[in-house]
Amino acid sequence: MGVASIIRDFVVGESLLKPVIAGEAWAEQLYLDSVCALQAISEADLGQVIHRMERETANLEFFDTWHWVLLSGKSFVHHTVESLEAHILDWLG
């Protein structure tokens, strides 16, 4: 059955919308359980997720830089400048 979700755009899975509208008890209970679980997430929980994501992002940036430096034989400064020049227009929108 997969992951049930009314928000199909954000969560991959089968939408609960049709079963809930049809009044199916299992779908209503799953919806209520999901809402309660989401509302039980604390600010501290979110802080832990953000901290973990920041750490993973920093690690990915390090390995990307390290790989570039090894392949090119150039210094880290060159990587930073070339990366900035390559992506500045994308970042500015």
PDB file of N, CA and C in Angstrom:
ATOM      1  N   MET A   1       0.818  -1.193   0.000  1.00  0.00           N
ATOM      2  CA  MET A   1       0.000   0.000   0.000  1.00  0.00           C
ATOM      3  C   MET A   1       0.861   1.256   0.000  1.00  0.00           C
ATOM      4  N   GLY A   2       2.071   1.181   0.538  1.00  0.00           N
ATOM      5  CA  GLY A   2       2.951   2.334   0.506  1.00  0.00           C
ATOM      6  C   GLY A   2       2.663   3.308   1.629  1.00  0.00           C
ATOM      7  N   VAL A   3       3.258   4.474   1.530  1.00  0.00           N
ATOM      8  CA  VAL A   3       3.090   5.519   2.530  1.00  0.00           C
ATOM      9  C   VAL A   3       1.840   6.308   2.191  1.00  0.00           C
ATOM     10  N   ALA A   4       0.913   6.340   3.117  1.00  0.00           N
ATOM     11  CA  ALA A   4      -0.344   7.060   2.875  1.00  0.00           C
ATOM     12  C   ALA A   4      -0.166   8.541   3.176  1.00  0.00           C
ATOM     13  N   SER A   5      -0.697   9.387   2.310  1.00  0.00           N
ATOM     14  CA  SER A   5      -0.572  10.817   2.525  1.00  0.00           C
ATOM     15  C   SER A   5      -1.599  11.567   1.694  1.00  0.00           C
ATOM     16  N   ILE A   6      -2.167  12.604   2.316  1.00  0.00           N
ATOM     17  CA  ILE A   6      -3.053  13.490   1.568  1.00  0.00           C
ATOM     18  C   ILE A   6      -2.209  14.463   0.750  1.00  0.00           C
ATOM     19  N   ILE A   7      -1.017  14.770   1.226  1.00  0.00           N
ATOM     20  CA  ILE A   7      -0.154  15.732   0.556  1.00  0.00           C
ATOM     21  C   ILE A   7       0.715  14.995  -0.451  1.00  0.00           C
ATOM     22  N   ARG A   8       0.159  14.621  -1.547  1.00  0.00           N
ATOM     23  CA  ARG A   8       0.850  13.819  -2.556  1.00  0.00           C
ATOM     24  C   ARG A   8       2.075  14.532  -3.127  1.00  0.00           C
ATOM     25  N   ASP A   9       2.049  15.856  -3.223  1.00  0.00           N
ATOM     26  CA  ASP A   9       3.169  16.584  -3.805  1.00  0.00           C
ATOM     27  C   ASP A   9       4.430  16.502  -2.953  1.00  0.00           C
ATOM     28  N   PHE A  10       4.275  16.307  -1.647  1.00  0.00           N
ATOM     29  CA  PHE A  10       5.423  16.336  -0.752  1.00  0.00           C
ATOM     30  C   PHE A  10       5.843  14.969  -0.237  1.00  0.00           C
ATOM     31  N   VAL A  11       4.947  14.016  -0.206  1.00  0.00           N
ATOM     32  CA  VAL A  11       5.247  12.695   0.321  1.00  0.00           C
ATOM     33  C   VAL A  11       4.875  11.659  -0.729  1.00  0.00           C
ATOM     34  N   VAL A  12       5.851  10.840  -1.084  1.00  0.00           N
ATOM     35  CA  VAL A  12       5.599   9.805  -2.073  1.00  0.00           C
ATOM     36  C   VAL A  12       4.703   8.748  -1.437  1.00  0.00           C
ATOM     37  N   GLY A  13       3.670   8.373  -2.107  1.00  0.00           N
ATOM     38  CA  GLY A  13       2.785   7.334  -1.587  1.00  0.00           C
ATOM     39  C   GLY A  13       1.373   7.492  -2.100  1.00  0.00           C
ATOM     40  N   GLU A  14       0.513   6.644  -1.592  1.00  0.00           N
ATOM     41  CA  GLU A  14      -0.876   6.649  -2.001  1.00  0.00           C
ATOM     42  C   GLU A  14      -1.648   7.703  -1.207  1.00  0.00           C
ATOM     43  N   SER A  15      -2.414   8.541  -1.876  1.00  0.00           N
ATOM     44  CA  SER A  15      -3.169   9.590  -1.211  1.00  0.00           C
ATOM     45  C   SER A  15      -4.328   9.005  -0.406  1.00  0.00           C
ATOM     46  N   LEU A  16      -4.582   9.598   0.751  1.00  0.00           N
ATOM     47  CA  LEU A  16      -5.713   9.195   1.594  1.00  0.00           C
ATOM     48  C   LEU A  16      -6.979   9.976   1.259  1.00  0.00           C
ATOM     49  N   LEU A  17      -6.885  10.934   0.381  1.00  0.00           N
ATOM     50  CA  LEU A  17      -8.011  11.826   0.127  1.00  0.00           C
ATOM     51  C   LEU A  17      -9.282  11.087  -0.279  1.00  0.00           C
ATOM     52  N   LYS A  18      -9.189  10.227  -1.274  1.00  0.00           N
ATOM     53  CA  LYS A  18     -10.397   9.527  -1.736  1.00  0.00           C
ATOM     54  C   LYS A  18     -10.987   8.618  -0.653  1.00  0.00           C
ATOM     55  N   PRO A  19     -10.168   7.794   0.041  1.00  0.00           N
ATOM     56  CA  PRO A  19     -10.744   6.956   1.094  1.00  0.00           C
ATOM     57  C   PRO A  19     -11.341   7.765   2.246  1.00  0.00           C
ATOM     58  N   VAL A  20     -10.727   8.894   2.596  1.00  0.00           N
ATOM     59  CA  VAL A  20     -11.277   9.727   3.673  1.00  0.00           C
ATOM     60  C   VAL A  20     -12.612  10.313   3.239  1.00  0.00           C
ATOM     61  N   ILE A  21     -12.688  10.830   2.029  1.00  0.00           N
ATOM     62  CA  ILE A  21     -13.949  11.396   1.522  1.00  0.00           C
ATOM     63  C   ILE A  21     -15.023  10.319   1.446  1.00  0.00           C
ATOM     64  N   ALA A  22     -14.612   9.102   1.114  1.00  0.00           N
ATOM     65  CA  ALA A  22     -15.568   7.996   1.025  1.00  0.00           C
ATOM     66  C   ALA A  22     -16.006   7.502   2.410  1.00  0.00           C
ATOM     67  N   GLY A  23     -15.362   8.032   3.466  1.00  0.00           N
ATOM     68  CA  GLY A  23     -15.762   7.669   4.818  1.00  0.00           C
ATOM     69  C   GLY A  23     -15.217   6.333   5.292  1.00  0.00           C
ATOM     70  N   GLU A  24     -14.143   5.856   4.691  1.00  0.00           N
ATOM     71  CA  GLU A  24     -13.562   4.584   5.112  1.00  0.00           C
ATOM     72  C   GLU A  24     -12.880   4.773   6.475  1.00  0.00           C
ATOM     73  N   ALA A  25     -13.271   3.960   7.442  1.00  0.00           N
ATOM     74  CA  ALA A  25     -12.813   4.115   8.823  1.00  0.00           C
ATOM     75  C   ALA A  25     -11.295   3.988   8.950  1.00  0.00           C
ATOM     76  N   TRP A  26     -10.694   3.041   8.233  1.00  0.00           N
ATOM     77  CA  TRP A  26      -9.246   2.855   8.340  1.00  0.00           C
ATOM     78  C   TRP A  26      -8.494   4.087   7.879  1.00  0.00           C
ATOM     79  N   ALA A  27      -9.009   4.743   6.825  1.00  0.00           N
ATOM     80  CA  ALA A  27      -8.349   5.929   6.282  1.00  0.00           C
ATOM     81  C   ALA A  27      -8.480   7.104   7.241  1.00  0.00           C
ATOM     82  N   GLU A  28      -9.663   7.257   7.825  1.00  0.00           N
ATOM     83  CA  GLU A  28      -9.863   8.333   8.794  1.00  0.00           C
ATOM     84  C   GLU A  28      -8.950   8.140  10.002  1.00  0.00           C
ATOM     85  N   GLN A  29      -8.839   6.906  10.492  1.00  0.00           N
ATOM     86  CA  GLN A  29      -7.987   6.625  11.650  1.00  0.00           C
ATOM     87  C   GLN A  29      -6.517   6.867  11.318  1.00  0.00           C
ATOM     88  N   LEU A  30      -6.094   6.450  10.124  1.00  0.00           N
ATOM     89  CA  LEU A  30      -4.710   6.666   9.709  1.00  0.00           C
ATOM     90  C   LEU A  30      -4.420   8.155   9.583  1.00  0.00           C
ATOM     91  N   TYR A  31      -5.374   8.902   9.056  1.00  0.00           N
ATOM     92  CA  TYR A  31      -5.218  10.349   8.933  1.00  0.00           C
ATOM     93  C   TYR A  31      -5.071  10.989  10.306  1.00  0.00           C
ATOM     94  N   LEU A  32      -5.956  10.627  11.231  1.00  0.00           N
ATOM     95  CA  LEU A  32      -5.893  11.197  12.580  1.00  0.00           C
ATOM     96  C   LEU A  32      -4.597  10.816  13.288  1.00  0.00           C
ATOM     97  N   ASP A  33      -4.184   9.571  13.152  1.00  0.00           N
ATOM     98  CA  ASP A  33      -2.921   9.136  13.756  1.00  0.00           C
ATOM     99  C   ASP A  33      -1.741   9.921  13.183  1.00  0.00           C
ATOM    100  N   SER A  34      -1.770  10.171  11.876  1.00  0.00           N
ATOM    101  CA  SER A  34      -0.690  10.913  11.227  1.00  0.00           C
ATOM    102  C   SER A  34      -0.640  12.353  11.710  1.00  0.00           C
ATOM    103  N   VAL A  35      -1.814  12.982  11.806  1.00  0.00           N
ATOM    104  CA  VAL A  35      -1.879  14.366  12.281  1.00  0.00           C
ATOM    105  C   VAL A  35      -1.367  14.457  13.712  1.00  0.00           C
ATOM    106  N   CYS A  36      -1.793  13.533  14.564  1.00  0.00           N
ATOM    107  CA  CYS A  36      -1.339  13.527  15.957  1.00  0.00           C
ATOM    108  C   CYS A  36       0.174  13.329  16.040  1.00  0.00           C
ATOM    109  N   ALA A  37       0.712  12.442  15.229  1.00  0.00           N
ATOM    110  CA  ALA A  37       2.158  12.199  15.235  1.00  0.00           C
ATOM    111  C   ALA A  37       2.922  13.442  14.781  1.00  0.00           C
ATOM    112  N   LEU A  38       2.418  14.122  13.762  1.00  0.00           N
ATOM    113  CA  LEU A  38       3.069  15.345  13.281  1.00  0.00           C
ATOM    114  C   LEU A  38       3.020  16.450  14.329  1.00  0.00           C
ATOM    115  N   GLN A  39       1.886  16.575  15.005  1.00  0.00           N
ATOM    116  CA  GLN A  39       1.752  17.622  16.013  1.00  0.00           C
ATOM    117  C   GLN A  39       2.573  17.319  17.263  1.00  0.00           C
ATOM    118  N   ALA A  40       2.955  16.066  17.457  1.00  0.00           N
ATOM    119  CA  ALA A  40       3.755  15.679  18.621  1.00  0.00           C
ATOM    120  C   ALA A  40       5.234  15.990  18.433  1.00  0.00           C
ATOM    121  N   ILE A  41       5.626  16.369  17.221  1.00  0.00           N
ATOM    122  CA  ILE A  41       7.024  16.701  16.974  1.00  0.00           C
ATOM    123  C   ILE A  41       7.337  18.009  17.683  1.00  0.00           C
ATOM    124  N   SER A  42       8.367  17.976  18.497  1.00  0.00           N
ATOM    125  CA  SER A  42       8.726  19.160  19.273  1.00  0.00           C
ATOM    126  C   SER A  42       9.741  20.023  18.531  1.00  0.00           C
ATOM    127  N   GLU A  43       9.918  21.225  19.034  1.00  0.00           N
ATOM    128  CA  GLU A  43      10.905  22.124  18.454  1.00  0.00           C
ATOM    129  C   GLU A  43      12.307  21.527  18.613  1.00  0.00           C
ATOM    130  N   ALA A  44      12.529  20.837  19.737  1.00  0.00           N
ATOM    131  CA  ALA A  44      13.827  20.185  19.956  1.00  0.00           C
ATOM    132  C   ALA A  44      14.073  19.106  18.902  1.00  0.00           C
ATOM    133  N   ASP A  45      13.007  18.351  18.552  1.00  0.00           N
ATOM    134  CA  ASP A  45      13.138  17.335  17.506  1.00  0.00           C
ATOM    135  C   ASP A  45      13.550  17.969  16.188  1.00  0.00           C
ATOM    136  N   LEU A  46      12.922  19.078  15.851  1.00  0.00           N
ATOM    137  CA  LEU A  46      13.254  19.767  14.605  1.00  0.00           C
ATOM    138  C   LEU A  46      14.684  20.294  14.636  1.00  0.00           C
ATOM    139  N   GLY A  47      15.108  20.780  15.800  1.00  0.00           N
ATOM    140  CA  GLY A  47      16.478  21.263  15.943  1.00  0.00           C
ATOM    141  C   GLY A  47      17.487  20.169  15.692  1.00  0.00           C
ATOM    142  N   GLN A  48      17.185  18.948  16.148  1.00  0.00           N
ATOM    143  CA  GLN A  48      18.085  17.821  15.919  1.00  0.00           C
ATOM    144  C   GLN A  48      18.178  17.493  14.437  1.00  0.00           C
ATOM    145  N   VAL A  49      17.058  17.573  13.746  1.00  0.00           N
ATOM    146  CA  VAL A  49      17.047  17.294  12.306  1.00  0.00           C
ATOM    147  C   VAL A  49      17.879  18.334  11.567  1.00  0.00           C
ATOM    148  N   ILE A  50      17.691  19.593  11.923  1.00  0.00           N
ATOM    149  CA  ILE A  50      18.435  20.669  11.265  1.00  0.00           C
ATOM    150  C   ILE A  50      19.933  20.507  11.522  1.00  0.00           C
ATOM    151  N   HIS A  51      20.296  20.181  12.767  1.00  0.00           N
ATOM    152  CA  HIS A  51      21.716  19.990  13.098  1.00  0.00           C
ATOM    153  C   HIS A  51      22.308  18.851  12.269  1.00  0.00           C
ATOM    154  N   ARG A  52      21.569  17.752  12.147  1.00  0.00           N
ATOM    155  CA  ARG A  52      22.050  16.606  11.375  1.00  0.00           C
ATOM    156  C   ARG A  52      22.204  16.974   9.906  1.00  0.00           C
ATOM    157  N   MET A  53      21.238  17.733   9.364  1.00  0.00           N
ATOM    158  CA  MET A  53      21.303  18.129   7.955  1.00  0.00           C
ATOM    159  C   MET A  53      22.485  19.062   7.706  1.00  0.00           C
ATOM    160  N   GLU A  54      22.727  19.999   8.647  1.00  0.00           N
ATOM    161  CA  GLU A  54      23.863  20.907   8.486  1.00  0.00           C
ATOM    162  C   GLU A  54      25.172  20.130   8.477  1.00  0.00           C
ATOM    163  N   ARG A  55      25.292  19.127   9.358  1.00  0.00           N
ATOM    164  CA  ARG A  55      26.509  18.322   9.434  1.00  0.00           C
ATOM    165  C   ARG A  55      26.697  17.531   8.137  1.00  0.00           C
ATOM    166  N   GLU A  56      25.604  16.947   7.613  1.00  0.00           N
ATOM    167  CA  GLU A  56      25.701  16.181   6.372  1.00  0.00           C
ATOM    168  C   GLU A  56      26.067  17.079   5.207  1.00  0.00           C
ATOM    169  N   THR A  57      25.501  18.289   5.168  1.00  0.00           N
ATOM    170  CA  THR A  57      25.811  19.237   4.097  1.00  0.00           C
ATOM    171  C   THR A  57      27.281  19.631   4.147  1.00  0.00           C
ATOM    172  N   ALA A  58      27.789  19.890   5.356  1.00  0.00           N
ATOM    173  CA  ALA A  58      29.201  20.255   5.500  1.00  0.00           C
ATOM    174  C   ALA A  58      30.094  19.116   5.029  1.00  0.00           C
ATOM    175  N   ASN A  59      29.738  17.877   5.368  1.00  0.00           N
ATOM    176  CA  ASN A  59      30.532  16.731   4.920  1.00  0.00           C
ATOM    177  C   ASN A  59      30.520  16.602   3.408  1.00  0.00           C
ATOM    178  N   LEU A  60      29.357  16.802   2.790  1.00  0.00           N
ATOM    179  CA  LEU A  60      29.272  16.711   1.332  1.00  0.00           C
ATOM    180  C   LEU A  60      30.111  17.785   0.668  1.00  0.00           C
ATOM    181  N   GLU A  61      30.067  19.003   1.211  1.00  0.00           N
ATOM    182  CA  GLU A  61      30.870  20.083   0.650  1.00  0.00           C
ATOM    183  C   GLU A  61      32.360  19.766   0.782  1.00  0.00           C
ATOM    184  N   PHE A  62      32.764  19.208   1.935  1.00  0.00           N
ATOM    185  CA  PHE A  62      34.169  18.848   2.124  1.00  0.00           C
ATOM    186  C   PHE A  62      34.612  17.824   1.087  1.00  0.00           C
ATOM    187  N   PHE A  63      33.825  16.752   0.922  1.00  0.00           N
ATOM    188  CA  PHE A  63      34.224  15.704  -0.012  1.00  0.00           C
ATOM    189  C   PHE A  63      34.203  16.186  -1.455  1.00  0.00           C
ATOM    190  N   ASP A  64      33.277  17.076  -1.795  1.00  0.00           N
ATOM    191  CA  ASP A  64      33.252  17.647  -3.135  1.00  0.00           C
ATOM    192  C   ASP A  64      34.516  18.466  -3.382  1.00  0.00           C
ATOM    193  N   THR A  65      34.882  19.272  -2.403  1.00  0.00           N
ATOM    194  CA  THR A  65      36.078  20.102  -2.523  1.00  0.00           C
ATOM    195  C   THR A  65      37.331  19.249  -2.599  1.00  0.00           C
ATOM    196  N   TRP A  66      37.415  18.271  -1.709  1.00  0.00           N
ATOM    197  CA  TRP A  66      38.580  17.385  -1.668  1.00  0.00           C
ATOM    198  C   TRP A  66      38.747  16.670  -3.002  1.00  0.00           C
ATOM    199  N   HIS A  67      37.649  16.161  -3.559  1.00  0.00           N
ATOM    200  CA  HIS A  67      37.684  15.466  -4.848  1.00  0.00           C
ATOM    201  C   HIS A  67      38.187  16.406  -5.944  1.00  0.00           C
ATOM    202  N   TRP A  68      37.678  17.636  -5.968  1.00  0.00           N
ATOM    203  CA  TRP A  68      38.077  18.611  -6.980  1.00  0.00           C
ATOM    204  C   TRP A  68      39.566  18.927  -6.878  1.00  0.00           C
ATOM    205  N   VAL A  69      40.047  19.146  -5.637  1.00  0.00           N
ATOM    206  CA  VAL A  69      41.456  19.474  -5.427  1.00  0.00           C
ATOM    207  C   VAL A  69      42.347  18.321  -5.887  1.00  0.00           C
ATOM    208  N   LEU A  70      41.957  17.088  -5.581  1.00  0.00           N
ATOM    209  CA  LEU A  70      42.748  15.934  -6.007  1.00  0.00           C
ATOM    210  C   LEU A  70      42.771  15.793  -7.526  1.00  0.00           C
ATOM    211  N   LEU A  71      41.634  15.996  -8.171  1.00  0.00           N
ATOM    212  CA  LEU A  71      41.580  15.839  -9.629  1.00  0.00           C
ATOM    213  C   LEU A  71      42.303  16.950 -10.375  1.00  0.00           C
ATOM    214  N   SER A  72      42.140  18.170  -9.889  1.00  0.00           N
ATOM    215  CA  SER A  72      42.690  19.308 -10.627  1.00  0.00           C
ATOM    216  C   SER A  72      44.139  19.626 -10.269  1.00  0.00           C
ATOM    217  N   GLY A  73      44.541  19.248  -9.055  1.00  0.00           N
ATOM    218  CA  GLY A  73      45.889  19.592  -8.603  1.00  0.00           C
ATOM    219  C   GLY A  73      46.027  21.053  -8.209  1.00  0.00           C
ATOM    220  N   LYS A  74      44.915  21.786  -8.240  1.00  0.00           N
ATOM    221  CA  LYS A  74      44.926  23.198  -7.854  1.00  0.00           C
ATOM    222  C   LYS A  74      44.660  23.324  -6.353  1.00  0.00           C
ATOM    223  N   SER A  75      44.913  24.505  -5.830  1.00  0.00           N
ATOM    224  CA  SER A  75      44.699  24.726  -4.397  1.00  0.00           C
ATOM    225  C   SER A  75      43.220  24.941  -4.090  1.00  0.00           C
ATOM    226  N   PHE A  76      42.901  24.883  -2.828  1.00  0.00           N
ATOM    227  CA  PHE A  76      41.529  25.085  -2.367  1.00  0.00           C
ATOM    228  C   PHE A  76      40.994  26.455  -2.777  1.00  0.00           C
ATOM    229  N   VAL A  77      41.862  27.457  -2.766  1.00  0.00           N
ATOM    230  CA  VAL A  77      41.445  28.814  -3.140  1.00  0.00           C
ATOM    231  C   VAL A  77      40.901  28.822  -4.560  1.00  0.00           C
ATOM    232  N   HIS A  78      41.564  28.107  -5.478  1.00  0.00           N
ATOM    233  CA  HIS A  78      41.085  28.039  -6.855  1.00  0.00           C
ATOM    234  C   HIS A  78      39.700  27.402  -6.918  1.00  0.00           C
ATOM    235  N   HIS A  79      39.484  26.364  -6.122  1.00  0.00           N
ATOM    236  CA  HIS A  79      38.178  25.708  -6.108  1.00  0.00           C
ATOM    237  C   HIS A  79      37.094  26.683  -5.671  1.00  0.00           C
ATOM    238  N   THR A  80      37.380  27.436  -4.628  1.00  0.00           N
ATOM    239  CA  THR A  80      36.395  28.370  -4.096  1.00  0.00           C
ATOM    240  C   THR A  80      36.050  29.436  -5.124  1.00  0.00           C
ATOM    241  N   VAL A  81      37.055  30.006  -5.749  1.00  0.00           N
ATOM    242  CA  VAL A  81      36.835  31.056  -6.742  1.00  0.00           C
ATOM    243  C   VAL A  81      36.094  30.496  -7.954  1.00  0.00           C
ATOM    244  N   GLU A  82      36.534  29.354  -8.463  1.00  0.00           N
ATOM    245  CA  GLU A  82      35.895  28.769  -9.636  1.00  0.00           C
ATOM    246  C   GLU A  82      34.452  28.349  -9.329  1.00  0.00           C
ATOM    247  N   SER A  83      34.229  27.820  -8.151  1.00  0.00           N
ATOM    248  CA  SER A  83      32.876  27.430  -7.760  1.00  0.00           C
ATOM    249  C   SER A  83      31.977  28.659  -7.659  1.00  0.00           C
ATOM    250  N   LEU A  84      32.490  29.716  -7.057  1.00  0.00           N
ATOM    251  CA  LEU A  84      31.720  30.953  -6.931  1.00  0.00           C
ATOM    252  C   LEU A  84      31.386  31.526  -8.303  1.00  0.00           C
ATOM    253  N   GLU A  85      32.375  31.592  -9.169  1.00  0.00           N
ATOM    254  CA  GLU A  85      32.142  32.133 -10.506  1.00  0.00           C
ATOM    255  C   GLU A  85      31.155  31.277 -11.298  1.00  0.00           C
ATOM    256  N   ALA A  86      31.217  29.957 -11.125  1.00  0.00           N
ATOM    257  CA  ALA A  86      30.343  29.060 -11.875  1.00  0.00           C
ATOM    258  C   ALA A  86      28.899  29.130 -11.414  1.00  0.00           C
ATOM    259  N   HIS A  87      28.686  29.454 -10.134  1.00  0.00           N
ATOM    260  CA  HIS A  87      27.337  29.358  -9.588  1.00  0.00           C
ATOM    261  C   HIS A  87      26.725  30.698  -9.182  1.00  0.00           C
ATOM    262  N   ILE A  88      27.441  31.774  -9.299  1.00  0.00           N
ATOM    263  CA  ILE A  88      26.949  33.071  -8.814  1.00  0.00           C
ATOM    264  C   ILE A  88      25.645  33.492  -9.492  1.00  0.00           C
ATOM    265  N   LEU A  89      25.535  33.274 -10.786  1.00  0.00           N
ATOM    266  CA  LEU A  89      24.305  33.667 -11.484  1.00  0.00           C
ATOM    267  C   LEU A  89      23.117  32.844 -11.039  1.00  0.00           C
ATOM    268  N   ASP A  90      23.342  31.534 -10.798  1.00  0.00           N
ATOM    269  CA  ASP A  90      22.259  30.681 -10.302  1.00  0.00           C
ATOM    270  C   ASP A  90      21.814  31.141  -8.922  1.00  0.00           C
ATOM    271  N   TRP A  91      22.759  31.463  -8.062  1.00  0.00           N
ATOM    272  CA  TRP A  91      22.440  31.869  -6.690  1.00  0.00           C
ATOM    273  C   TRP A  91      21.696  33.197  -6.659  1.00  0.00           C
ATOM    274  N   LEU A  92      22.055  34.092  -7.555  1.00  0.00           N
ATOM    275  CA  LEU A  92      21.403  35.404  -7.561  1.00  0.00           C
ATOM    276  C   LEU A  92      20.018  35.366  -8.204  1.00  0.00           C
ATOM    277  N   GLY A  93      19.741  34.268  -8.888  1.00  0.00           N
ATOM    278  CA  GLY A  93      18.411  34.097  -9.467  1.00  0.00           C
ATOM    279  C   GLY A  93      18.272  34.809 -10.747  1.00  0.00           C
TER     280      GLY A  93
END
